Amino acid sequence: MTTATVDTGGRVGCVHLADGVVVQLGGTLTDDNLPELRDALLSPFGASCRDVVVDAGEVEDVTESALAVLVAARDWAEHNGRRFFVSRMSPLVRSALDICQVKLPELGGRPGRTTATGIPTPRAAAD
């Protein structure tokens, strides 16, 4: 007999680029993930870091504490002269932020519109 297991643990990945950082979140983010989240999102940035981009499109569940780190990351980045964006949000993350009445700046959106920071959204390939 074969038993399948599903990894429901949270995942925090961080990729440092020449001019920024991309943080990929997935799974179930709990208080066990707080050290990883804080390290990825609230650590001092290098001098060349201009952008912090978070991909939360694969988050299946999130605790209030983990969500608070995500919100604090926006303030931390902006306070330190960096731009903060979310590239994707799972429906659960979007709903949790709506309940808390918190808006995070998003990349993309409807063509021709600008984000809250005034950066134009990408145009569709047909435009």
Protein backbone atom coordinates (compact mmCIF):
# COMPACT_ATOMS: atom_id res chain seq x y z
CA MET A 1 0.00 0.00 0.00
CA THR A 2 1.26 3.47 -0.93
CA THR A 3 0.46 6.50 1.15
CA ALA A 4 0.64 9.95 -0.37
CA THR A 5 1.64 12.86 1.79
CA VAL A 6 1.03 16.50 1.17
CA ASP A 7 3.50 19.08 2.41
CA THR A 8 1.40 21.82 3.94
CA GLY A 9 4.34 23.63 5.50
CA GLY A 10 5.09 27.18 4.58
CA ARG A 11 7.80 28.07 2.09
CA VAL A 12 9.87 31.23 2.11
CA GLY A 13 12.34 31.69 -0.72
CA CYS A 14 14.51 34.72 -1.31
CA VAL A 15 16.40 35.63 -4.47
CA HIS A 16 18.79 38.57 -4.35
CA LEU A 17 19.22 40.39 -7.64
CA ALA A 18 21.64 43.15 -8.61
CA ASP A 19 19.11 45.87 -7.77
CA GLY A 20 16.53 44.18 -5.58
CA VAL A 21 15.13 41.13 -3.90
CA VAL A 22 12.30 38.76 -4.81
CA VAL A 23 10.64 36.88 -1.95
CA GLN A 24 8.52 33.87 -2.89
CA LEU A 25 5.96 32.65 -0.37
CA GLY A 26 3.89 29.49 -0.51
CA GLY A 27 2.01 26.86 1.44
CA THR A 28 0.75 27.45 4.95
CA LEU A 29 2.62 30.30 6.62
CA THR A 30 2.48 29.93 10.38
CA ASP A 31 4.31 31.30 13.37
CA ASP A 32 6.96 28.62 12.69
CA ASN A 33 7.86 30.58 9.54
CA LEU A 34 8.29 33.93 11.31
CA PRO A 35 12.10 33.73 11.56
CA GLU A 36 12.38 32.99 7.81
CA LEU A 37 9.87 35.72 6.95
CA ARG A 38 11.64 38.28 9.10
CA ASP A 39 15.01 37.32 7.66
CA ALA A 40 13.76 37.61 4.05
CA LEU A 41 11.65 40.73 4.46
CA LEU A 42 12.99 42.74 7.40
CA SER A 43 16.76 42.30 7.15
CA PRO A 44 18.95 45.26 6.21
CA PHE A 45 19.20 45.75 2.46
CA GLY A 46 22.38 46.16 0.47
CA ALA A 47 23.11 49.62 -0.90
CA SER A 48 22.20 48.53 -4.45
CA CYS A 49 18.76 47.19 -3.44
CA ARG A 50 16.03 49.40 -4.88
CA ASP A 51 13.03 47.05 -5.08
CA VAL A 52 11.45 44.45 -2.85
CA VAL A 53 9.00 42.22 -4.72
CA VAL A 54 6.87 39.61 -2.97
CA ASP A 55 5.19 36.70 -4.76
CA ALA A 56 2.42 35.46 -2.44
CA GLY A 57 0.44 33.69 -5.16
CA GLU A 58 0.95 30.20 -3.75
CA VAL A 59 0.03 30.95 -0.12
CA GLU A 60 -2.70 28.56 1.01
CA ASP A 61 -3.10 29.80 4.59
CA VAL A 62 -1.49 32.45 6.76
CA THR A 63 -1.52 33.33 10.45
CA GLU A 64 -2.08 36.88 11.65
CA SER A 65 1.55 37.11 12.78
CA ALA A 66 2.88 36.03 9.38
CA LEU A 67 0.56 38.50 7.67
CA ALA A 68 1.80 41.24 10.02
CA VAL A 69 5.39 40.59 8.89
CA LEU A 70 4.30 41.01 5.27
CA VAL A 71 2.66 44.35 6.08
CA ALA A 72 5.63 45.47 8.17
CA ALA A 73 7.91 44.65 5.23
CA ARG A 74 6.17 47.29 3.14
CA ASP A 75 6.76 49.93 5.81
CA TRP A 76 10.36 48.75 6.40
CA ALA A 77 11.19 48.91 2.68
CA GLU A 78 9.62 52.33 2.16
CA HIS A 79 11.22 53.72 5.33
CA ASN A 80 14.60 52.61 3.97
CA GLY A 81 14.09 54.19 0.53
CA ARG A 82 13.10 51.02 -1.32
CA ARG A 83 10.04 50.36 -3.44
CA PHE A 84 7.80 47.49 -2.27
CA PHE A 85 5.44 45.56 -4.54
CA VAL A 86 3.46 42.35 -4.51
CA SER A 87 3.64 40.54 -7.84
CA ARG A 88 0.93 37.99 -7.03
CA MET A 89 -1.47 37.36 -4.15
CA SER A 90 -3.46 34.22 -3.53
CA PRO A 91 -7.18 34.76 -2.95
CA LEU A 92 -6.63 33.93 0.72
CA VAL A 93 -3.95 36.61 1.17
CA ARG A 94 -6.05 39.16 -0.69
CA SER A 95 -9.06 38.34 1.50
CA ALA A 96 -7.02 38.54 4.71
CA LEU A 97 -5.64 41.94 3.72
CA ASP A 98 -9.14 43.15 2.78
CA ILE A 99 -10.45 42.08 6.19
CA CYS A 100 -7.62 44.03 7.84
CA GLN A 101 -8.31 46.95 5.47
CA VAL A 102 -4.68 46.91 4.31
CA LYS A 103 -3.60 47.66 0.74
CA LEU A 104 -0.24 46.58 -0.60
CA PRO A 105 1.09 48.04 -3.86
CA GLU A 106 0.79 45.51 -6.68
CA LEU A 107 2.70 45.08 -9.90
CA GLY A 108 0.51 44.69 -12.95
CA GLY A 109 -3.18 45.25 -12.95
CA ARG A 110 -5.29 46.65 -15.73
CA PRO A 111 -3.33 48.00 -18.71
CA GLY A 112 -3.04 51.76 -18.92
CA ARG A 113 -3.49 52.29 -15.19
CA THR A 114 -0.83 53.19 -12.69
CA THR A 115 -0.11 51.62 -9.34
CA ALA A 116 -0.35 53.50 -6.06
CA THR A 117 3.30 54.49 -6.49
CA GLY A 118 2.69 56.00 -9.93
CA ILE A 119 4.50 53.27 -11.87
CA PRO A 120 2.68 52.38 -15.10
CA THR A 121 1.26 48.90 -15.29
CA PRO A 122 2.53 46.63 -18.05
CA ARG A 123 0.63 46.69 -21.31
CA ALA A 124 -0.86 43.58 -22.81
CA ALA A 125 1.07 41.98 -25.69
CA ALA A 126 -1.59 43.12 -28.18
CA ASP A 127 -1.23 46.80 -27.15
